[in-house]
Amino acid sequence: MDPVTLTDGTPLHVNRAGDPEAEVTVVFSHGYALDHRCWDRISGDLPSAVERPIQVVAYDQRGHGKSGDATEQTATVEQLGDDLAELIGQVAPAGAVVLVGHCMGGLTAAALSERHPGLFTADAGTSPRVAALALLSTGANHIAAEARAATGLAVESSTSAVSAVITKLMWDLEALVGPRLVDLITDRAHKAMITSTRWSLFGEEPRAEDVLLTLRMIRHHWPHTMALFRPALDEFVREVKLTLPAALPVIGLVGERDRLVTPEQATKLLAPIAGADVITLPRAGHMLPLERAAEVLPRIVSLVHMVQRRLCDGTA
C-alpha cells in the first residue's frame, strides 16, 4: 500500500492485512535496527487465527526499513511515540487498537502513553482507542553497553575513517550487484558476526534463517541509524515509566535468556500496572517475534478476543 505520510512529510512504510473496516486493528511496532519483517511469522497468521475480522498493521519506524530518514532532532523515542499516534489516526481512524511492541517498539508504545494519554482512556459513552497492549522484550533500565554488545557492532566507532570506508564500499557494492547478492556475500564473509548475533539475540537452537534475517536487518541500519538512535534510547530507557488505566489489558513477554532485557527488567517496567501479566518464555532470547512466534501468537489472539468481547458488551 501507499506509505503513511506524517505531518512533517516523513513517509512510513506500512504493510496492512485483513479488513480495514474491522472494529479492531492490531498494530505491530518493531525494535531497534529492525523492520516490519520481524513480525512476518505472527502478522501473517493473525487474521485467520481470530474469531472475527481484524485489521493488521506492521510498519517501519522512522529511520528504519523502507520509511523516511530520521535526523538528529527526530531520532528520539518521543518522536516515535508521536509518529505512532499519527499512524493510528490514519490507518485506524475508528475502532479499537491492540498495540504490540518489541524492544524499542515497546518503548514507542510507552512514549505514546506518556505523550498521548487520551488514546488510552475512555470518554463518556466511548471506548479507548488503545484497548490492549503487549510488550515483548521490553524493560526498564537496561544498560546501553549490553545493547551494543548484543548487536556485535561498535556504534561508537561508526564515524571512524575505517568504518566509513567499509560502509561506503558495502553501499557501492549493493548499488552494483543488488542487495540480495550483498546479503549472500556478507552473510558468508562475517561468520563471526553470525555467531555473535546468534549468541547475543537468540536463545537455544534458533532457526538459521531467523539469525540471517536479523543480521541483514541490523546490517541495513549500521552504522548511521544505529548511532543516530542510540543516545535517545539510552536516555529514555533509564527514565521510562508506564502509567496506564487499571482496566487496560497488558501483557509482557520476555525470554529467559534475553541478554538485553532480563525478566526482572520487564517486571520492573510493568509492576505499576494493575493486573499486568509478565510471562517468561523458557530458553528464549531477545528475538521473540521470530524465535517464539508460535507462543506469542496465541497470547495476541487472546488480547484481541478480550477486546472484541468488551466491544460487544460495551465495556471496552
C-alpha atoms as a PDB file:
ATOM      1  CA  MET A   1       0.000   0.000   0.000  1.00  0.00           C
ATOM      2  CA  ASP A   2       0.987   3.646  -0.168  1.00  0.00           C
ATOM      3  CA  PRO A   3       3.088   4.896   2.742  1.00  0.00           C
ATOM      4  CA  VAL A   4       1.550   6.888   5.558  1.00  0.00           C
ATOM      5  CA  THR A   5       2.863  10.443   5.345  1.00  0.00           C
ATOM      6  CA  LEU A   6       3.391  12.198   8.664  1.00  0.00           C
ATOM      7  CA  THR A   7       2.753  15.893   9.200  1.00  0.00           C
ATOM      8  CA  ASP A   8       6.455  16.707   8.833  1.00  0.00           C
ATOM      9  CA  GLY A   9       6.498  14.951   5.450  1.00  0.00           C
ATOM     10  CA  THR A  10       8.220  11.756   6.582  1.00  0.00           C
ATOM     11  CA  PRO A  11       6.778   8.649   4.874  1.00  0.00           C
ATOM     12  CA  LEU A  12       6.255   5.497   6.948  1.00  0.00           C
ATOM     13  CA  HIS A  13       6.252   2.180   5.113  1.00  0.00           C
ATOM     14  CA  VAL A  14       3.140   0.227   6.138  1.00  0.00           C
ATOM     15  CA  ASN A  15       2.018  -3.352   5.500  1.00  0.00           C
ATOM     16  CA  ARG A  16      -1.711  -3.893   6.014  1.00  0.00           C
ATOM     17  CA  ALA A  17      -3.717  -7.108   6.005  1.00  0.00           C
ATOM     18  CA  GLY A  18      -7.200  -8.134   6.995  1.00  0.00           C
ATOM     19  CA  ASP A  19     -10.287  -5.922   6.980  1.00  0.00           C
ATOM     20  CA  PRO A  20      -9.602  -2.144   7.055  1.00  0.00           C
ATOM     21  CA  GLU A  21     -13.174  -1.628   8.300  1.00  0.00           C
ATOM     22  CA  ALA A  22     -12.810  -4.053  11.221  1.00  0.00           C
ATOM     23  CA  GLU A  23     -13.638  -2.899  14.725  1.00  0.00           C
ATOM     24  CA  VAL A  24     -10.178  -3.947  15.983  1.00  0.00           C
ATOM     25  CA  THR A  25      -6.784  -3.115  14.476  1.00  0.00           C
ATOM     26  CA  VAL A  26      -3.569  -4.759  15.678  1.00  0.00           C
ATOM     27  CA  VAL A  27      -0.508  -2.534  15.216  1.00  0.00           C
ATOM     28  CA  PHE A  28       2.966  -4.102  15.351  1.00  0.00           C
ATOM     29  CA  SER A  29       5.905  -1.840  16.265  1.00  0.00           C
ATOM     30  CA  HIS A  30       9.387  -3.289  15.706  1.00  0.00           C
ATOM     31  CA  GLY A  31      12.618  -2.911  17.652  1.00  0.00           C
ATOM     32  CA  TYR A  32      15.894  -1.033  17.285  1.00  0.00           C
ATOM     33  CA  ALA A  33      17.736  -1.619  13.990  1.00  0.00           C
ATOM     34  CA  LEU A  34      14.986  -3.972  12.773  1.00  0.00           C
ATOM     35  CA  ASP A  35      11.967  -3.521  10.481  1.00  0.00           C
ATOM     36  CA  HIS A  36       8.469  -4.867   9.830  1.00  0.00           C
ATOM     37  CA  ARG A  37       9.810  -8.212   8.615  1.00  0.00           C
ATOM     38  CA  CYS A  38      10.472  -9.338  12.184  1.00  0.00           C
ATOM     39  CA  TRP A  39       6.676  -9.694  12.577  1.00  0.00           C
ATOM     40  CA  ASP A  40       6.052 -11.819   9.470  1.00  0.00           C
ATOM     41  CA  ARG A  41       5.659 -15.092  11.372  1.00  0.00           C
ATOM     42  CA  ILE A  42       2.920 -13.530  13.526  1.00  0.00           C
ATOM     43  CA  SER A  43       1.191 -10.849  11.468  1.00  0.00           C
ATOM     44  CA  GLY A  44       0.608 -13.151   8.515  1.00  0.00           C
ATOM     45  CA  ASP A  45      -1.230 -15.758  10.591  1.00  0.00           C
ATOM     46  CA  LEU A  46      -3.128 -13.443  12.918  1.00  0.00           C
ATOM     47  CA  PRO A  47      -6.169 -12.589  10.706  1.00  0.00           C
ATOM     48  CA  SER A  48      -7.055 -16.266  10.300  1.00  0.00           C
ATOM     49  CA  ALA A  49      -6.356 -17.093  13.952  1.00  0.00           C
ATOM     50  CA  VAL A  50      -9.017 -14.797  15.428  1.00  0.00           C
ATOM     51  CA  GLU A  51     -12.742 -15.381  15.517  1.00  0.00           C
ATOM     52  CA  ARG A  52     -13.901 -12.148  13.896  1.00  0.00           C
ATOM     53  CA  PRO A  53     -12.337  -9.906  11.236  1.00  0.00           C
ATOM     54  CA  ILE A  54      -9.486  -7.611  12.231  1.00  0.00           C
ATOM     55  CA  GLN A  55      -7.066  -5.305  10.500  1.00  0.00           C
ATOM     56  CA  VAL A  56      -3.328  -5.971  10.932  1.00  0.00           C
ATOM     57  CA  VAL A  57      -0.736  -3.217  10.502  1.00  0.00           C
ATOM     58  CA  ALA A  58       3.037  -3.693  10.618  1.00  0.00           C
ATOM     59  CA  TYR A  59       5.096  -0.604   9.849  1.00  0.00           C
ATOM     60  CA  ASP A  60       8.703   0.561   9.641  1.00  0.00           C
ATOM     61  CA  GLN A  61       9.554   3.184  12.225  1.00  0.00           C
ATOM     62  CA  ARG A  62      11.085   6.500  11.197  1.00  0.00           C
ATOM     63  CA  GLY A  63      14.687   5.974  10.099  1.00  0.00           C
ATOM     64  CA  HIS A  64      14.194   2.211   9.742  1.00  0.00           C
ATOM     65  CA  GLY A  65      13.424  -0.184   6.909  1.00  0.00           C
ATOM     66  CA  LYS A  66      11.700   1.463   3.961  1.00  0.00           C
ATOM     67  CA  SER A  67      10.463   4.504   5.893  1.00  0.00           C
ATOM     68  CA  GLY A  68      11.856   8.009   5.575  1.00  0.00           C
ATOM     69  CA  ASP A  69      15.057   9.092   7.246  1.00  0.00           C
ATOM     70  CA  ALA A  70      15.392  10.373  10.777  1.00  0.00           C
ATOM     71  CA  THR A  71      17.579  13.305  11.787  1.00  0.00           C
ATOM     72  CA  GLU A  72      19.421  14.172  14.985  1.00  0.00           C
ATOM     73  CA  GLN A  73      16.340  16.139  16.019  1.00  0.00           C
ATOM     74  CA  THR A  74      13.786  13.414  15.204  1.00  0.00           C
ATOM     75  CA  ALA A  75      15.724  10.304  16.280  1.00  0.00           C
ATOM     76  CA  THR A  76      14.030  10.208  19.677  1.00  0.00           C
ATOM     77  CA  VAL A  77      11.631   7.780  21.333  1.00  0.00           C
ATOM     78  CA  GLU A  78       9.263  10.670  21.999  1.00  0.00           C
ATOM     79  CA  GLN A  79       9.122  11.383  18.261  1.00  0.00           C
ATOM     80  CA  LEU A  80       8.454   7.711  17.576  1.00  0.00           C
ATOM     81  CA  GLY A  81       5.537   7.903  20.009  1.00  0.00           C
ATOM     82  CA  ASP A  82       4.147  10.902  18.154  1.00  0.00           C
ATOM     83  CA  ASP A  83       4.615   9.050  14.866  1.00  0.00           C
ATOM     84  CA  LEU A  84       2.634   6.121  16.235  1.00  0.00           C
ATOM     85  CA  ALA A  85      -0.193   8.433  17.259  1.00  0.00           C
ATOM     86  CA  GLU A  86      -0.348   9.801  13.709  1.00  0.00           C
ATOM     87  CA  LEU A  87      -0.170   6.317  12.229  1.00  0.00           C
ATOM     88  CA  ILE A  88      -3.110   5.159  14.332  1.00  0.00           C
ATOM     89  CA  GLY A  89      -5.094   8.212  13.278  1.00  0.00           C
ATOM     90  CA  GLN A  90      -4.547   7.405   9.613  1.00  0.00           C
ATOM     91  CA  VAL A  91      -4.760   3.596   9.433  1.00  0.00           C
ATOM     92  CA  ALA A  92      -7.351   3.118  12.184  1.00  0.00           C
ATOM     93  CA  PRO A  93      -9.360   6.338  12.490  1.00  0.00           C
ATOM     94  CA  ALA A  94     -12.130   4.426  14.285  1.00  0.00           C
ATOM     95  CA  GLY A  95     -12.429   1.336  16.408  1.00  0.00           C
ATOM     96  CA  ALA A  96     -10.093  -0.203  18.968  1.00  0.00           C
ATOM     97  CA  VAL A  97      -6.355  -0.760  18.660  1.00  0.00           C
ATOM     98  CA  VAL A  98      -4.244  -3.538  20.140  1.00  0.00           C
ATOM     99  CA  LEU A  99      -0.602  -2.413  20.286  1.00  0.00           C
ATOM    100  CA  VAL A 100       2.202  -4.971  20.095  1.00  0.00           C
ATOM    101  CA  GLY A 101       5.727  -3.612  20.574  1.00  0.00           C
ATOM    102  CA  HIS A 102       9.101  -5.342  20.583  1.00  0.00           C
ATOM    103  CA  CYS A 103      12.046  -3.748  22.412  1.00  0.00           C
ATOM    104  CA  MET A 104      12.231  -0.176  21.010  1.00  0.00           C
ATOM    105  CA  GLY A 105       8.715  -0.728  19.689  1.00  0.00           C
ATOM    106  CA  GLY A 106       7.600  -1.331  23.262  1.00  0.00           C
ATOM    107  CA  LEU A 107       9.296   1.880  24.335  1.00  0.00           C
ATOM    108  CA  THR A 108       7.482   3.607  21.458  1.00  0.00           C
ATOM    109  CA  ALA A 109       4.203   2.418  22.985  1.00  0.00           C
ATOM    110  CA  ALA A 110       5.359   3.763  26.364  1.00  0.00           C
ATOM    111  CA  ALA A 111       6.133   7.140  24.770  1.00  0.00           C
ATOM    112  CA  LEU A 112       2.691   7.091  23.155  1.00  0.00           C
ATOM    113  CA  SER A 113       1.077   6.589  26.568  1.00  0.00           C
ATOM    114  CA  GLU A 114       3.091   9.476  28.031  1.00  0.00           C
ATOM    115  CA  ARG A 115       2.501  11.951  25.216  1.00  0.00           C
ATOM    116  CA  HIS A 116      -0.999  10.922  24.119  1.00  0.00           C
ATOM    117  CA  PRO A 117      -2.713   9.585  27.257  1.00  0.00           C
ATOM    118  CA  GLY A 118      -6.137  10.344  25.805  1.00  0.00           C
ATOM    119  CA  LEU A 119      -5.718   7.415  23.417  1.00  0.00           C
ATOM    120  CA  PHE A 120      -5.719   5.068  26.407  1.00  0.00           C
ATOM    121  CA  THR A 121      -8.720   6.443  28.270  1.00  0.00           C
ATOM    122  CA  ALA A 122     -12.432   6.181  27.569  1.00  0.00           C
ATOM    123  CA  ASP A 123     -14.687   9.210  27.361  1.00  0.00           C
ATOM    124  CA  ALA A 124     -18.326   9.033  28.367  1.00  0.00           C
ATOM    125  CA  GLY A 125     -20.049   6.573  26.063  1.00  0.00           C
ATOM    126  CA  THR A 126     -16.899   5.767  24.063  1.00  0.00           C
ATOM    127  CA  SER A 127     -14.148   3.177  24.239  1.00  0.00           C
ATOM    128  CA  PRO A 128     -10.415   3.957  24.471  1.00  0.00           C
ATOM    129  CA  ARG A 129      -8.652   3.943  21.122  1.00  0.00           C
ATOM    130  CA  VAL A 130      -5.814   1.802  22.503  1.00  0.00           C
ATOM    131  CA  ALA A 131      -7.668  -1.069  24.164  1.00  0.00           C
ATOM    132  CA  ALA A 132      -4.833  -3.542  24.912  1.00  0.00           C
ATOM    133  CA  LEU A 133      -1.042  -3.655  24.956  1.00  0.00           C
ATOM    134  CA  ALA A 134       1.552  -6.413  24.526  1.00  0.00           C
ATOM    135  CA  LEU A 135       5.211  -5.626  25.224  1.00  0.00           C
ATOM    136  CA  LEU A 136       7.822  -8.094  24.002  1.00  0.00           C
ATOM    137  CA  SER A 137      11.414  -7.949  25.273  1.00  0.00           C
ATOM    138  CA  THR A 138      10.790  -4.517  26.770  1.00  0.00           C
ATOM    139  CA  GLY A 139      12.074  -3.419  30.172  1.00  0.00           C
ATOM    140  CA  ALA A 140      13.278  -0.512  32.276  1.00  0.00           C
ATOM    141  CA  ASN A 141      16.884   0.445  32.995  1.00  0.00           C
ATOM    142  CA  HIS A 142      18.726  -1.990  30.781  1.00  0.00           C
ATOM    143  CA  ILE A 143      22.266  -0.908  30.012  1.00  0.00           C
ATOM    144  CA  ALA A 144      23.360   0.675  26.750  1.00  0.00           C
ATOM    145  CA  ALA A 145      26.650  -1.227  26.669  1.00  0.00           C
ATOM    146  CA  GLU A 146      24.756  -4.518  26.728  1.00  0.00           C
ATOM    147  CA  ALA A 147      22.702  -3.450  23.735  1.00  0.00           C
ATOM    148  CA  ARG A 148      25.827  -2.503  21.819  1.00  0.00           C
ATOM    149  CA  ALA A 149      27.427  -5.837  22.620  1.00  0.00           C
ATOM    150  CA  ALA A 150      24.256  -7.648  21.625  1.00  0.00           C
ATOM    151  CA  THR A 151      24.436  -6.404  18.053  1.00  0.00           C
ATOM    152  CA  GLY A 152      28.132  -7.171  17.843  1.00  0.00           C
ATOM    153  CA  LEU A 153      28.667  -3.704  16.363  1.00  0.00           C
ATOM    154  CA  ALA A 154      30.759  -0.908  17.860  1.00  0.00           C
ATOM    155  CA  VAL A 155      28.436   2.025  17.279  1.00  0.00           C
ATOM    156  CA  GLU A 156      30.823   4.484  18.907  1.00  0.00           C
ATOM    157  CA  SER A 157      33.386   3.785  16.185  1.00  0.00           C
ATOM    158  CA  SER A 158      30.884   4.275  13.380  1.00  0.00           C
ATOM    159  CA  THR A 159      32.331   7.655  12.475  1.00  0.00           C
ATOM    160  CA  SER A 160      35.904   6.349  12.151  1.00  0.00           C
ATOM    161  CA  ALA A 161      37.587   6.538   8.780  1.00  0.00           C
ATOM    162  CA  VAL A 162      37.842   2.754   8.508  1.00  0.00           C
ATOM    163  CA  SER A 163      34.175   2.216   9.318  1.00  0.00           C
ATOM    164  CA  ALA A 164      33.129   4.929   6.882  1.00  0.00           C
ATOM    165  CA  VAL A 165      35.183   3.378   4.089  1.00  0.00           C
ATOM    166  CA  ILE A 166      33.813  -0.121   4.739  1.00  0.00           C
ATOM    167  CA  THR A 167      30.263   1.188   4.818  1.00  0.00           C
ATOM    168  CA  LYS A 168      30.745   3.106   1.572  1.00  0.00           C
ATOM    169  CA  LEU A 169      32.177   0.018  -0.099  1.00  0.00           C
ATOM    170  CA  MET A 170      29.168  -2.032   1.006  1.00  0.00           C
ATOM    171  CA  TRP A 171      26.759   0.614  -0.285  1.00  0.00           C
ATOM    172  CA  ASP A 172      28.645   0.828  -3.600  1.00  0.00           C
ATOM    173  CA  LEU A 173      28.632  -2.958  -3.907  1.00  0.00           C
ATOM    174  CA  GLU A 174      24.912  -3.060  -3.229  1.00  0.00           C
ATOM    175  CA  ALA A 175      24.313  -0.455  -5.954  1.00  0.00           C
ATOM    176  CA  LEU A 176      26.270  -2.579  -8.437  1.00  0.00           C
ATOM    177  CA  VAL A 177      25.093  -6.123  -7.696  1.00  0.00           C
ATOM    178  CA  GLY A 178      21.910  -5.610  -5.678  1.00  0.00           C
ATOM    179  CA  PRO A 179      21.055  -6.189  -2.032  1.00  0.00           C
ATOM    180  CA  ARG A 180      20.346  -9.919  -2.329  1.00  0.00           C
ATOM    181  CA  LEU A 181      23.844 -10.730  -3.576  1.00  0.00           C
ATOM    182  CA  VAL A 182      25.383  -8.411  -0.984  1.00  0.00           C
ATOM    183  CA  ASP A 183      23.442 -10.283   1.685  1.00  0.00           C
ATOM    184  CA  LEU A 184      24.933 -13.565   0.486  1.00  0.00           C
ATOM    185  CA  ILE A 185      28.438 -12.112   0.403  1.00  0.00           C
ATOM    186  CA  THR A 186      28.266 -10.501   3.831  1.00  0.00           C
ATOM    187  CA  ASP A 187      26.490 -13.477   5.427  1.00  0.00           C
ATOM    188  CA  ARG A 188      29.303 -15.794   4.341  1.00  0.00           C
ATOM    189  CA  ALA A 189      32.112 -13.310   4.976  1.00  0.00           C
ATOM    190  CA  HIS A 190      31.050 -12.464   8.508  1.00  0.00           C
ATOM    191  CA  LYS A 191      30.855 -15.842  10.236  1.00  0.00           C
ATOM    192  CA  ALA A 192      31.884 -14.178  13.477  1.00  0.00           C
ATOM    193  CA  MET A 193      29.031 -11.700  13.100  1.00  0.00           C
ATOM    194  CA  ILE A 194      26.532 -14.513  12.575  1.00  0.00           C
ATOM    195  CA  THR A 195      27.848 -16.293  15.649  1.00  0.00           C
ATOM    196  CA  SER A 196      27.675 -13.082  17.665  1.00  0.00           C
ATOM    197  CA  THR A 197      24.131 -12.356  16.506  1.00  0.00           C
ATOM    198  CA  ARG A 198      23.008 -15.848  17.395  1.00  0.00           C
ATOM    199  CA  TRP A 199      24.616 -15.790  20.845  1.00  0.00           C
ATOM    200  CA  SER A 200      23.539 -12.248  21.707  1.00  0.00           C
ATOM    201  CA  LEU A 201      19.979 -12.057  20.403  1.00  0.00           C
ATOM    202  CA  PHE A 202      18.635 -15.606  20.410  1.00  0.00           C
ATOM    203  CA  GLY A 203      18.007 -18.391  22.877  1.00  0.00           C
ATOM    204  CA  GLU A 204      18.538 -22.097  22.318  1.00  0.00           C
ATOM    205  CA  GLU A 205      18.591 -23.605  18.825  1.00  0.00           C
ATOM    206  CA  PRO A 206      17.308 -20.695  16.704  1.00  0.00           C
ATOM    207  CA  ARG A 207      16.440 -21.245  13.057  1.00  0.00           C
ATOM    208  CA  ALA A 208      19.336 -20.311  10.792  1.00  0.00           C
ATOM    209  CA  GLU A 209      17.046 -18.218   8.579  1.00  0.00           C
ATOM    210  CA  ASP A 210      15.926 -16.143  11.576  1.00  0.00           C
ATOM    211  CA  VAL A 211      19.517 -15.375  12.546  1.00  0.00           C
ATOM    212  CA  LEU A 212      20.350 -14.391   8.963  1.00  0.00           C
ATOM    213  CA  LEU A 213      17.274 -12.167   8.662  1.00  0.00           C
ATOM    214  CA  THR A 214      18.143 -10.425  11.916  1.00  0.00           C
ATOM    215  CA  LEU A 215      21.737  -9.881  10.801  1.00  0.00           C
ATOM    216  CA  ARG A 216      20.538  -8.479   7.471  1.00  0.00           C
ATOM    217  CA  MET A 217      18.157  -6.066   9.207  1.00  0.00           C
ATOM    218  CA  ILE A 218      20.947  -4.885  11.511  1.00  0.00           C
ATOM    219  CA  ARG A 219      23.352  -4.508   8.576  1.00  0.00           C
ATOM    220  CA  HIS A 220      20.834  -2.299   6.804  1.00  0.00           C
ATOM    221  CA  HIS A 221      20.820   0.091   9.752  1.00  0.00           C
ATOM    222  CA  TRP A 222      24.543   0.102  10.517  1.00  0.00           C
ATOM    223  CA  PRO A 223      26.172   2.438  11.241  1.00  0.00           C
ATOM    224  CA  HIS A 224      24.116   5.570  10.621  1.00  0.00           C
ATOM    225  CA  THR A 225      20.681   4.706  12.049  1.00  0.00           C
ATOM    226  CA  MET A 226      22.115   2.769  14.977  1.00  0.00           C
ATOM    227  CA  ALA A 227      24.399   5.604  16.008  1.00  0.00           C
ATOM    228  CA  LEU A 228      21.626   8.154  15.448  1.00  0.00           C
ATOM    229  CA  PHE A 229      19.088   6.493  17.760  1.00  0.00           C
ATOM    230  CA  ARG A 230      21.436   5.100  20.422  1.00  0.00           C
ATOM    231  CA  PRO A 231      21.715   8.221  22.673  1.00  0.00           C
ATOM    232  CA  ALA A 232      17.944   8.787  22.783  1.00  0.00           C
ATOM    233  CA  LEU A 233      17.281   5.123  23.547  1.00  0.00           C
ATOM    234  CA  ASP A 234      19.838   5.147  26.356  1.00  0.00           C
ATOM    235  CA  GLU A 235      18.232   8.193  27.912  1.00  0.00           C
ATOM    236  CA  PHE A 236      14.613   7.098  27.515  1.00  0.00           C
ATOM    237  CA  VAL A 237      15.035   3.580  28.880  1.00  0.00           C
ATOM    238  CA  ARG A 238      16.636   4.850  32.080  1.00  0.00           C
ATOM    239  CA  GLU A 239      13.679   7.108  32.808  1.00  0.00           C
ATOM    240  CA  VAL A 240      10.733   5.205  31.322  1.00  0.00           C
ATOM    241  CA  LYS A 241       7.676   4.775  33.498  1.00  0.00           C
ATOM    242  CA  LEU A 242       4.479   3.173  32.278  1.00  0.00           C
ATOM    243  CA  THR A 243       1.257   4.703  33.538  1.00  0.00           C
ATOM    244  CA  LEU A 244      -1.903   3.143  32.145  1.00  0.00           C
ATOM    245  CA  PRO A 245      -5.556   2.771  33.170  1.00  0.00           C
ATOM    246  CA  ALA A 246      -6.143  -0.145  35.516  1.00  0.00           C
ATOM    247  CA  ALA A 247      -8.720  -1.720  33.218  1.00  0.00           C
ATOM    248  CA  LEU A 248      -6.380  -1.869  30.208  1.00  0.00           C
ATOM    249  CA  PRO A 249      -5.290  -5.447  29.406  1.00  0.00           C
ATOM    250  CA  VAL A 250      -1.466  -5.515  29.390  1.00  0.00           C
ATOM    251  CA  ILE A 251       0.917  -8.439  28.991  1.00  0.00           C
ATOM    252  CA  GLY A 252       4.685  -8.609  28.898  1.00  0.00           C
ATOM    253  CA  LEU A 253       6.670 -11.387  27.244  1.00  0.00           C
ATOM    254  CA  VAL A 254      10.387 -11.838  27.847  1.00  0.00           C
ATOM    255  CA  GLY A 255      12.912 -14.548  27.106  1.00  0.00           C
ATOM    256  CA  GLU A 256      14.543 -16.390  29.971  1.00  0.00           C
ATOM    257  CA  ARG A 257      17.906 -15.996  28.202  1.00  0.00           C
ATOM    258  CA  ASP A 258      17.425 -12.470  26.864  1.00  0.00           C
ATOM    259  CA  ARG A 259      20.796 -10.750  27.220  1.00  0.00           C
ATOM    260  CA  LEU A 260      19.375  -7.266  26.592  1.00  0.00           C
ATOM    261  CA  VAL A 261      16.215  -7.271  28.711  1.00  0.00           C
ATOM    262  CA  THR A 262      16.068  -9.583  31.695  1.00  0.00           C
ATOM    263  CA  PRO A 263      12.808 -10.882  33.166  1.00  0.00           C
ATOM    264  CA  GLU A 264      13.495  -8.672  36.194  1.00  0.00           C
ATOM    265  CA  GLN A 265      13.696  -5.568  33.991  1.00  0.00           C
ATOM    266  CA  ALA A 266      10.473  -6.460  32.173  1.00  0.00           C
ATOM    267  CA  THR A 267       8.751  -6.991  35.509  1.00  0.00           C
ATOM    268  CA  LYS A 268      10.035  -3.658  36.807  1.00  0.00           C
ATOM    269  CA  LEU A 269       8.504  -1.816  33.856  1.00  0.00           C
ATOM    270  CA  LEU A 270       5.090  -3.431  34.256  1.00  0.00           C
ATOM    271  CA  ALA A 271       4.990  -3.558  38.064  1.00  0.00           C
ATOM    272  CA  PRO A 272       2.989  -0.285  38.414  1.00  0.00           C
ATOM    273  CA  ILE A 273       0.241  -1.598  36.097  1.00  0.00           C
ATOM    274  CA  ALA A 274      -2.550  -3.306  37.997  1.00  0.00           C
ATOM    275  CA  GLY A 275      -3.276  -6.727  36.557  1.00  0.00           C
ATOM    276  CA  ALA A 276      -0.367  -6.704  34.093  1.00  0.00           C
ATOM    277  CA  ASP A 277       0.991 -10.173  33.457  1.00  0.00           C
ATOM    278  CA  VAL A 278       4.681 -10.832  32.691  1.00  0.00           C
ATOM    279  CA  ILE A 279       5.366 -14.184  31.043  1.00  0.00           C
ATOM    280  CA  THR A 280       8.908 -15.568  30.866  1.00  0.00           C
ATOM    281  CA  LEU A 281       9.476 -17.941  27.955  1.00  0.00           C
ATOM    282  CA  PRO A 282      11.980 -20.658  28.876  1.00  0.00           C
ATOM    283  CA  ARG A 283      15.222 -20.874  26.873  1.00  0.00           C
ATOM    284  CA  ALA A 284      14.178 -17.932  24.666  1.00  0.00           C
ATOM    285  CA  GLY A 285      16.341 -14.939  23.781  1.00  0.00           C
ATOM    286  CA  HIS A 286      15.582 -11.401  22.672  1.00  0.00           C
ATOM    287  CA  MET A 287      14.074 -12.003  19.222  1.00  0.00           C
ATOM    288  CA  LEU A 288      10.731 -13.341  20.412  1.00  0.00           C
ATOM    289  CA  PRO A 289       8.772 -12.289  17.266  1.00  0.00           C
ATOM    290  CA  LEU A 290      10.929 -14.687  15.254  1.00  0.00           C
ATOM    291  CA  GLU A 291      12.115 -17.438  17.571  1.00  0.00           C
ATOM    292  CA  ARG A 292       8.906 -17.845  19.596  1.00  0.00           C
ATOM    293  CA  ALA A 293       6.171 -16.779  17.183  1.00  0.00           C
ATOM    294  CA  ALA A 294       4.141 -19.912  17.976  1.00  0.00           C
ATOM    295  CA  GLU A 295       3.990 -18.890  21.644  1.00  0.00           C
ATOM    296  CA  VAL A 296       3.498 -15.172  21.058  1.00  0.00           C
ATOM    297  CA  LEU A 297       0.647 -15.533  18.540  1.00  0.00           C
ATOM    298  CA  PRO A 298      -1.935 -17.160  20.854  1.00  0.00           C
ATOM    299  CA  ARG A 299      -1.356 -14.506  23.509  1.00  0.00           C
ATOM    300  CA  ILE A 300      -2.043 -11.747  20.995  1.00  0.00           C
ATOM    301  CA  VAL A 301      -5.118 -13.659  19.830  1.00  0.00           C
ATOM    302  CA  SER A 302      -6.276 -13.763  23.457  1.00  0.00           C
ATOM    303  CA  LEU A 303      -5.908  -9.979  23.751  1.00  0.00           C
ATOM    304  CA  VAL A 304      -7.834  -9.438  20.519  1.00  0.00           C
ATOM    305  CA  HIS A 305     -10.664 -11.703  21.659  1.00  0.00           C
ATOM    306  CA  MET A 306     -10.811  -9.899  25.005  1.00  0.00           C
ATOM    307  CA  VAL A 307     -11.120  -6.526  23.261  1.00  0.00           C
ATOM    308  CA  GLN A 308     -13.746  -7.855  20.843  1.00  0.00           C
ATOM    309  CA  ARG A 309     -15.813  -9.240  23.709  1.00  0.00           C
ATOM    310  CA  ARG A 310     -15.607  -5.939  25.547  1.00  0.00           C
ATOM    311  CA  LEU A 311     -16.758  -4.092  22.456  1.00  0.00           C
ATOM    312  CA  CYS A 312     -19.740  -6.418  22.166  1.00  0.00           C
ATOM    313  CA  ASP A 313     -20.525  -5.910  25.864  1.00  0.00           C
ATOM    314  CA  GLY A 314     -19.961  -2.168  25.659  1.00  0.00           C
ATOM    315  CA  THR A 315     -17.197  -2.329  28.279  1.00  0.00           C
ATOM    316  CA  ALA A 316     -14.095  -1.823  26.109  1.00  0.00           C
END
